[in-house]
């Protein structure tokens, strides 16, 4: 079966192939675009900060020193770098 439009004749299987290729291209583009957006978002808005860490330590009954907070924040940053 042939599809005719404005003088261009293409077989049905070519149209199906074009639709599949365009769909895959859009899926990959959307995936990588969303991934890049989330990486930038998490870089600008980290999931936990020093104030939240201080509050968590106080709830656990520990007295948070500045040194201990910096150690924990650096450990979390190194862990996030290793996972990338």
PDB file of N, CA and C in Angstrom:
ATOM      1  N   UNK A   1       0.842  -1.162   0.000  1.00  0.00           N
ATOM      2  CA  UNK A   1       0.000   0.000   0.000  1.00  0.00           C
ATOM      3  C   UNK A   1       0.896   1.237   0.000  1.00  0.00           C
ATOM      4  N   UNK A   2       0.554   2.211  -0.760  1.00  0.00           N
ATOM      5  CA  UNK A   2       1.354   3.421  -0.884  1.00  0.00           C
ATOM      6  C   UNK A   2       0.571   4.618  -0.370  1.00  0.00           C
ATOM      7  N   UNK A   3       1.274   5.497   0.293  1.00  0.00           N
ATOM      8  CA  UNK A   3       0.669   6.744   0.748  1.00  0.00           C
ATOM      9  C   UNK A   3       1.138   7.853  -0.178  1.00  0.00           C
ATOM     10  N   UNK A   4       0.194   8.600  -0.714  1.00  0.00           N
ATOM     11  CA  UNK A   4       0.534   9.643  -1.679  1.00  0.00           C
ATOM     12  C   UNK A   4       0.120  10.988  -1.089  1.00  0.00           C
ATOM     13  N   UNK A   5       1.061  11.922  -1.095  1.00  0.00           N
ATOM     14  CA  UNK A   5       0.738  13.267  -0.623  1.00  0.00           C
ATOM     15  C   UNK A   5       1.615  14.244  -1.384  1.00  0.00           C
ATOM     16  N   UNK A   6       1.014  15.116  -2.087  1.00  0.00           N
ATOM     17  CA  UNK A   6       1.692  16.157  -2.845  1.00  0.00           C
ATOM     18  C   UNK A   6       2.797  15.591  -3.735  1.00  0.00           C
ATOM     19  N   UNK A   7       2.525  14.507  -4.379  1.00  0.00           N
ATOM     20  CA  UNK A   7       3.460  13.946  -5.338  1.00  0.00           C
ATOM     21  C   UNK A   7       4.544  13.069  -4.733  1.00  0.00           C
ATOM     22  N   UNK A   8       4.607  12.933  -3.391  1.00  0.00           N
ATOM     23  CA  UNK A   8       5.619  12.081  -2.762  1.00  0.00           C
ATOM     24  C   UNK A   8       4.975  10.732  -2.475  1.00  0.00           C
ATOM     25  N   UNK A   9       5.603   9.678  -2.942  1.00  0.00           N
ATOM     26  CA  UNK A   9       5.073   8.339  -2.761  1.00  0.00           C
ATOM     27  C   UNK A   9       6.019   7.573  -1.837  1.00  0.00           C
ATOM     28  N   UNK A  10       5.514   7.140  -0.677  1.00  0.00           N
ATOM     29  CA  UNK A  10       6.304   6.353   0.266  1.00  0.00           C
ATOM     30  C   UNK A  10       5.508   5.123   0.676  1.00  0.00           C
ATOM     31  N   UNK A  11       6.198   4.031   0.819  1.00  0.00           N
ATOM     32  CA  UNK A  11       5.546   2.801   1.249  1.00  0.00           C
ATOM     33  C   UNK A  11       5.170   2.911   2.728  1.00  0.00           C
ATOM     34  N   UNK A  12       4.203   2.121   3.131  1.00  0.00           N
ATOM     35  CA  UNK A  12       3.717   2.156   4.507  1.00  0.00           C
ATOM     36  C   UNK A  12       4.818   1.795   5.495  1.00  0.00           C
ATOM     37  N   UNK A  13       5.668   0.832   5.158  1.00  0.00           N
ATOM     38  CA  UNK A  13       6.717   0.418   6.088  1.00  0.00           C
ATOM     39  C   UNK A  13       7.729   1.536   6.319  1.00  0.00           C
ATOM     40  N   UNK A  14       7.913   2.414   5.349  1.00  0.00           N
ATOM     41  CA  UNK A  14       8.825   3.548   5.538  1.00  0.00           C
ATOM     42  C   UNK A  14       8.218   4.533   6.539  1.00  0.00           C
ATOM     43  N   UNK A  15       6.906   4.765   6.435  1.00  0.00           N
ATOM     44  CA  UNK A  15       6.243   5.651   7.397  1.00  0.00           C
ATOM     45  C   UNK A  15       6.338   5.079   8.809  1.00  0.00           C
ATOM     46  N   UNK A  16       6.132   3.781   8.936  1.00  0.00           N
ATOM     47  CA  UNK A  16       6.229   3.137  10.251  1.00  0.00           C
ATOM     48  C   UNK A  16       7.641   3.284  10.802  1.00  0.00           C
ATOM     49  N   UNK A  17       8.636   3.081   9.961  1.00  0.00           N
ATOM     50  CA  UNK A  17      10.033   3.216  10.369  1.00  0.00           C
ATOM     51  C   UNK A  17      10.341   4.650  10.806  1.00  0.00           C
ATOM     52  N   UNK A  18       9.845   5.615  10.061  1.00  0.00           N
ATOM     53  CA  UNK A  18      10.063   7.029  10.410  1.00  0.00           C
ATOM     54  C   UNK A  18       9.439   7.345  11.769  1.00  0.00           C
ATOM     55  N   UNK A  19       8.221   6.866  12.004  1.00  0.00           N
ATOM     56  CA  UNK A  19       7.541   7.116  13.276  1.00  0.00           C
ATOM     57  C   UNK A  19       8.321   6.491  14.429  1.00  0.00           C
ATOM     58  N   UNK A  20       8.827   5.279  14.249  1.00  0.00           N
ATOM     59  CA  UNK A  20       9.593   4.608  15.301  1.00  0.00           C
ATOM     60  C   UNK A  20      10.889   5.359  15.589  1.00  0.00           C
ATOM     61  N   UNK A  21      11.604   5.764  14.549  1.00  0.00           N
ATOM     62  CA  UNK A  21      12.874   6.479  14.731  1.00  0.00           C
ATOM     63  C   UNK A  21      12.644   7.813  15.436  1.00  0.00           C
ATOM     64  N   UNK A  22      11.623   8.547  15.021  1.00  0.00           N
ATOM     65  CA  UNK A  22      11.328   9.835  15.659  1.00  0.00           C
ATOM     66  C   UNK A  22      10.904   9.620  17.116  1.00  0.00           C
ATOM     67  N   UNK A  23      10.123   8.595  17.369  1.00  0.00           N
ATOM     68  CA  UNK A  23       9.710   8.299  18.746  1.00  0.00           C
ATOM     69  C   UNK A  23      10.887   7.972  19.642  1.00  0.00           C
ATOM     70  N   UNK A  24      11.813   7.154  19.141  1.00  0.00           N
ATOM     71  CA  UNK A  24      13.007   6.825  19.923  1.00  0.00           C
ATOM     72  C   UNK A  24      13.874   8.055  20.158  1.00  0.00           C
ATOM     73  N   UNK A  25      14.026   8.888  19.134  1.00  0.00           N
ATOM     74  CA  UNK A  25      14.826  10.106  19.285  1.00  0.00           C
ATOM     75  C   UNK A  25      14.211  11.027  20.341  1.00  0.00           C
ATOM     76  N   UNK A  26      12.908  11.163  20.335  1.00  0.00           N
ATOM     77  CA  UNK A  26      12.233  12.002  21.338  1.00  0.00           C
ATOM     78  C   UNK A  26      12.375  11.407  22.738  1.00  0.00           C
ATOM     79  N   UNK A  27      12.283  10.087  22.848  1.00  0.00           N
ATOM     80  CA  UNK A  27      12.421   9.442  24.155  1.00  0.00           C
ATOM     81  C   UNK A  27      13.820   9.662  24.725  1.00  0.00           C
ATOM     82  N   UNK A  28      14.850   9.450  23.906  1.00  0.00           N
ATOM     83  CA  UNK A  28      16.220   9.661  24.381  1.00  0.00           C
ATOM     84  C   UNK A  28      16.468  11.130  24.704  1.00  0.00           C
ATOM     85  N   UNK A  29      15.980  12.021  23.872  1.00  0.00           N
ATOM     86  CA  UNK A  29      16.151  13.452  24.127  1.00  0.00           C
ATOM     87  C   UNK A  29      15.460  13.881  25.410  1.00  0.00           C
ATOM     88  N   UNK A  30      14.267  13.395  25.629  1.00  0.00           N
ATOM     89  CA  UNK A  30      13.541  13.718  26.856  1.00  0.00           C
ATOM     90  C   UNK A  30      14.220  13.172  28.092  1.00  0.00           C
ATOM     91  N   UNK A  31      14.742  11.946  27.993  1.00  0.00           N
ATOM     92  CA  UNK A  31      15.434  11.335  29.128  1.00  0.00           C
ATOM     93  C   UNK A  31      16.666  12.140  29.508  1.00  0.00           C
ATOM     94  N   UNK A  32      17.506  12.447  28.529  1.00  0.00           N
ATOM     95  CA  UNK A  32      18.737  13.174  28.833  1.00  0.00           C
ATOM     96  C   UNK A  32      18.457  14.623  29.223  1.00  0.00           C
ATOM     97  N   UNK A  33      17.438  15.224  28.664  1.00  0.00           N
ATOM     98  CA  UNK A  33      17.067  16.576  29.073  1.00  0.00           C
ATOM     99  C   UNK A  33      16.594  16.609  30.520  1.00  0.00           C
ATOM    100  N   UNK A  34      15.763  15.654  30.904  1.00  0.00           N
ATOM    101  CA  UNK A  34      15.277  15.584  32.281  1.00  0.00           C
ATOM    102  C   UNK A  34      16.415  15.272  33.242  1.00  0.00           C
ATOM    103  N   UNK A  35      17.328  14.405  32.820  1.00  0.00           N
ATOM    104  CA  UNK A  35      18.474  14.060  33.667  1.00  0.00           C
ATOM    105  C   UNK A  35      19.355  15.283  33.913  1.00  0.00           C
ATOM    106  N   UNK A  36      19.626  16.030  32.867  1.00  0.00           N
ATOM    107  CA  UNK A  36      20.457  17.233  32.989  1.00  0.00           C
ATOM    108  C   UNK A  36      19.773  18.269  33.887  1.00  0.00           C
ATOM    109  N   UNK A  37      18.471  18.436  33.714  1.00  0.00           N
ATOM    110  CA  UNK A  37      17.722  19.372  34.547  1.00  0.00           C
ATOM    111  C   UNK A  37      17.814  18.981  36.021  1.00  0.00           C
ATOM    112  N   UNK A  38      17.627  17.706  36.325  1.00  0.00           N
ATOM    113  CA  UNK A  38      17.664  17.258  37.717  1.00  0.00           C
ATOM    114  C   UNK A  38      19.059  17.391  38.313  1.00  0.00           C
ATOM    115  N   UNK A  39      20.110  17.111  37.531  1.00  0.00           N
ATOM    116  CA  UNK A  39      21.469  17.275  38.042  1.00  0.00           C
ATOM    117  C   UNK A  39      21.731  18.732  38.403  1.00  0.00           C
ATOM    118  N   UNK A  40      21.327  19.651  37.540  1.00  0.00           N
ATOM    119  CA  UNK A  40      21.509  21.073  37.830  1.00  0.00           C
ATOM    120  C   UNK A  40      20.665  21.504  39.025  1.00  0.00           C
ATOM    121  N   UNK A  41      19.456  20.991  39.123  1.00  0.00           N
ATOM    122  CA  UNK A  41      18.575  21.343  40.237  1.00  0.00           C
ATOM    123  C   UNK A  41      19.171  20.881  41.564  1.00  0.00           C
ATOM    124  N   UNK A  42      19.675  19.650  41.597  1.00  0.00           N
ATOM    125  CA  UNK A  42      20.246  19.135  42.840  1.00  0.00           C
ATOM    126  C   UNK A  42      21.559  19.826  43.191  1.00  0.00           C
ATOM    127  N   UNK A  43      22.300  20.273  42.176  1.00  0.00           N
ATOM    128  CA  UNK A  43      23.531  21.013  42.447  1.00  0.00           C
ATOM    129  C   UNK A  43      23.195  22.364  43.083  1.00  0.00           C
ATOM    130  N   UNK A  44      22.157  23.033  42.577  1.00  0.00           N
ATOM    131  CA  UNK A  44      21.755  24.332  43.107  1.00  0.00           C
ATOM    132  C   UNK A  44      20.990  24.210  44.423  1.00  0.00           C
ATOM    133  N   UNK A  45      20.255  23.136  44.601  1.00  0.00           N
ATOM    134  CA  UNK A  45      19.431  22.920  45.799  1.00  0.00           C
ATOM    135  C   UNK A  45      19.763  21.557  46.399  1.00  0.00           C
ATOM    136  N   UNK A  46      20.843  21.470  47.162  1.00  0.00           N
ATOM    137  CA  UNK A  46      21.213  20.165  47.720  1.00  0.00           C
ATOM    138  C   UNK A  46      20.122  19.636  48.648  1.00  0.00           C
ATOM    139  N   UNK A  47      20.015  18.330  48.755  1.00  0.00           N
ATOM    140  CA  UNK A  47      18.927  17.750  49.527  1.00  0.00           C
ATOM    141  C   UNK A  47      19.029  18.002  51.037  1.00  0.00           C
ATOM    142  N   UNK A  48      20.225  18.308  51.555  1.00  0.00           N
ATOM    143  CA  UNK A  48      20.367  18.571  52.987  1.00  0.00           C
ATOM    144  C   UNK A  48      21.441  19.639  53.166  1.00  0.00           C
ATOM    145  N   UNK A  49      21.249  20.510  54.148  1.00  0.00           N
ATOM    146  CA  UNK A  49      22.251  21.539  54.411  1.00  0.00           C
ATOM    147  C   UNK A  49      22.702  21.436  55.867  1.00  0.00           C
ATOM    148  N   UNK A  50      23.601  22.324  56.280  1.00  0.00           N
ATOM    149  CA  UNK A  50      24.174  22.234  57.625  1.00  0.00           C
ATOM    150  C   UNK A  50      23.128  22.458  58.712  1.00  0.00           C
ATOM    151  N   UNK A  51      22.194  23.349  58.478  1.00  0.00           N
ATOM    152  CA  UNK A  51      21.161  23.597  59.490  1.00  0.00           C
ATOM    153  C   UNK A  51      20.296  22.360  59.706  1.00  0.00           C
ATOM    154  N   UNK A  52      19.940  21.693  58.628  1.00  0.00           N
ATOM    155  CA  UNK A  52      19.143  20.472  58.749  1.00  0.00           C
ATOM    156  C   UNK A  52      19.944  19.380  59.445  1.00  0.00           C
ATOM    157  N   UNK A  53      21.235  19.298  59.134  1.00  0.00           N
ATOM    158  CA  UNK A  53      22.099  18.307  59.764  1.00  0.00           C
ATOM    159  C   UNK A  53      22.241  18.598  61.258  1.00  0.00           C
ATOM    160  N   UNK A  54      22.373  19.874  61.614  1.00  0.00           N
ATOM    161  CA  UNK A  54      22.471  20.276  63.024  1.00  0.00           C
ATOM    162  C   UNK A  54      21.193  19.881  63.770  1.00  0.00           C
ATOM    163  N   UNK A  55      20.049  20.141  63.181  1.00  0.00           N
ATOM    164  CA  UNK A  55      18.777  19.786  63.821  1.00  0.00           C
ATOM    165  C   UNK A  55      18.653  18.274  63.992  1.00  0.00           C
ATOM    166  N   UNK A  56      19.110  17.530  63.001  1.00  0.00           N
ATOM    167  CA  UNK A  56      19.045  16.072  63.083  1.00  0.00           C
ATOM    168  C   UNK A  56      19.932  15.558  64.217  1.00  0.00           C
ATOM    169  N   UNK A  57      21.136  16.131  64.348  1.00  0.00           N
ATOM    170  CA  UNK A  57      22.040  15.696  65.416  1.00  0.00           C
ATOM    171  C   UNK A  57      21.474  16.049  66.789  1.00  0.00           C
ATOM    172  N   UNK A  58      20.843  17.222  66.909  1.00  0.00           N
ATOM    173  CA  UNK A  58      20.227  17.599  68.185  1.00  0.00           C
ATOM    174  C   UNK A  58      19.100  16.638  68.553  1.00  0.00           C
ATOM    175  N   UNK A  59      18.331  16.202  67.569  1.00  0.00           N
ATOM    176  CA  UNK A  59      17.246  15.257  67.833  1.00  0.00           C
ATOM    177  C   UNK A  59      17.783  13.906  68.280  1.00  0.00           C
ATOM    178  N   UNK A  60      18.988  13.559  67.809  1.00  0.00           N
ATOM    179  CA  UNK A  60      19.592  12.284  68.204  1.00  0.00           C
ATOM    180  C   UNK A  60      20.311  12.395  69.549  1.00  0.00           C
ATOM    181  N   UNK A  61      20.313  13.587  70.150  1.00  0.00           N
ATOM    182  CA  UNK A  61      20.936  13.760  71.453  1.00  0.00           C
ATOM    183  C   UNK A  61      22.414  14.088  71.388  1.00  0.00           C
ATOM    184  N   UNK A  62      22.930  14.431  70.230  1.00  0.00           N
ATOM    185  CA  UNK A  62      24.344  14.786  70.090  1.00  0.00           C
ATOM    186  C   UNK A  62      24.477  16.300  70.058  1.00  0.00           C
ATOM    187  N   UNK A  63      25.592  16.776  70.617  1.00  0.00           N
ATOM    188  CA  UNK A  63      25.853  18.215  70.535  1.00  0.00           C
ATOM    189  C   UNK A  63      26.679  18.456  69.279  1.00  0.00           C
ATOM    190  N   UNK A  64      26.103  19.125  68.281  1.00  0.00           N
ATOM    191  CA  UNK A  64      26.820  19.288  67.010  1.00  0.00           C
ATOM    192  C   UNK A  64      27.873  20.394  67.081  1.00  0.00           C
ATOM    193  N   UNK A  65      29.130  20.013  66.921  1.00  0.00           N
ATOM    194  CA  UNK A  65      30.190  21.014  66.821  1.00  0.00           C
ATOM    195  C   UNK A  65      30.354  21.387  65.349  1.00  0.00           C
ATOM    196  N   UNK A  66      30.936  22.552  65.119  1.00  0.00           N
ATOM    197  CA  UNK A  66      31.135  23.017  63.741  1.00  0.00           C
ATOM    198  C   UNK A  66      32.044  22.055  62.986  1.00  0.00           C
ATOM    199  N   UNK A  67      33.049  21.537  63.667  1.00  0.00           N
ATOM    200  CA  UNK A  67      33.991  20.600  63.040  1.00  0.00           C
ATOM    201  C   UNK A  67      33.272  19.323  62.593  1.00  0.00           C
ATOM    202  N   UNK A  68      32.428  18.810  63.476  1.00  0.00           N
ATOM    203  CA  UNK A  68      31.698  17.580  63.153  1.00  0.00           C
ATOM    204  C   UNK A  68      30.729  17.807  61.990  1.00  0.00           C
ATOM    205  N   UNK A  69      30.080  18.973  61.966  1.00  0.00           N
ATOM    206  CA  UNK A  69      29.170  19.289  60.864  1.00  0.00           C
ATOM    207  C   UNK A  69      29.920  19.342  59.537  1.00  0.00           C
ATOM    208  N   UNK A  70      31.086  19.998  59.533  1.00  0.00           N
ATOM    209  CA  UNK A  70      31.872  20.081  58.298  1.00  0.00           C
ATOM    210  C   UNK A  70      32.339  18.701  57.850  1.00  0.00           C
ATOM    211  N   UNK A  71      32.736  17.853  58.798  1.00  0.00           N
ATOM    212  CA  UNK A  71      33.159  16.494  58.447  1.00  0.00           C
ATOM    213  C   UNK A  71      32.017  15.727  57.796  1.00  0.00           C
ATOM    214  N   UNK A  72      30.840  15.828  58.365  1.00  0.00           N
ATOM    215  CA  UNK A  72      29.701  15.091  57.813  1.00  0.00           C
ATOM    216  C   UNK A  72      29.297  15.636  56.445  1.00  0.00           C
ATOM    217  N   UNK A  73      29.313  16.961  56.279  1.00  0.00           N
ATOM    218  CA  UNK A  73      28.967  17.550  54.981  1.00  0.00           C
ATOM    219  C   UNK A  73      29.982  17.145  53.916  1.00  0.00           C
ATOM    220  N   UNK A  74      31.282  17.170  54.261  1.00  0.00           N
ATOM    221  CA  UNK A  74      32.313  16.764  53.304  1.00  0.00           C
ATOM    222  C   UNK A  74      32.181  15.289  52.949  1.00  0.00           C
ATOM    223  N   UNK A  75      31.857  14.461  53.934  1.00  0.00           N
ATOM    224  CA  UNK A  75      31.669  13.036  53.660  1.00  0.00           C
ATOM    225  C   UNK A  75      30.487  12.820  52.715  1.00  0.00           C
ATOM    226  N   UNK A  76      29.412  13.577  52.915  1.00  0.00           N
ATOM    227  CA  UNK A  76      28.250  13.441  52.034  1.00  0.00           C
ATOM    228  C   UNK A  76      28.576  13.925  50.625  1.00  0.00           C
ATOM    229  N   UNK A  77      29.348  15.007  50.499  1.00  0.00           N
ATOM    230  CA  UNK A  77      29.734  15.505  49.181  1.00  0.00           C
ATOM    231  C   UNK A  77      30.620  14.504  48.451  1.00  0.00           C
ATOM    232  N   UNK A  78      31.573  13.903  49.176  1.00  0.00           N
ATOM    233  CA  UNK A  78      32.443  12.899  48.554  1.00  0.00           C
ATOM    234  C   UNK A  78      31.636  11.687  48.118  1.00  0.00           C
ATOM    235  N   UNK A  79      30.681  11.290  48.928  1.00  0.00           N
ATOM    236  CA  UNK A  79      29.849  10.144  48.579  1.00  0.00           C
ATOM    237  C   UNK A  79      29.037  10.421  47.321  1.00  0.00           C
ATOM    238  N   UNK A  80      28.520  11.646  47.188  1.00  0.00           N
ATOM    239  CA  UNK A  80      27.731  11.968  45.997  1.00  0.00           C
ATOM    240  C   UNK A  80      28.623  12.039  44.760  1.00  0.00           C
ATOM    241  N   UNK A  81      29.875  12.461  44.919  1.00  0.00           N
ATOM    242  CA  UNK A  81      30.797  12.491  43.776  1.00  0.00           C
ATOM    243  C   UNK A  81      31.172  11.083  43.331  1.00  0.00           C
ATOM    244  N   UNK A  82      31.332  10.170  44.288  1.00  0.00           N
ATOM    245  CA  UNK A  82      31.680   8.787  43.949  1.00  0.00           C
ATOM    246  C   UNK A  82      30.551   8.099  43.192  1.00  0.00           C
ATOM    247  N   UNK A  83      29.316   8.444  43.524  1.00  0.00           N
ATOM    248  CA  UNK A  83      28.178   7.779  42.879  1.00  0.00           C
ATOM    249  C   UNK A  83      27.973   8.249  41.448  1.00  0.00           C
ATOM    250  N   UNK A  84      28.586   9.367  41.052  1.00  0.00           N
ATOM    251  CA  UNK A  84      28.453   9.858  39.680  1.00  0.00           C
ATOM    252  C   UNK A  84      29.393   9.143  38.829  1.00  0.00           C
TER     253      UNK A  84
END
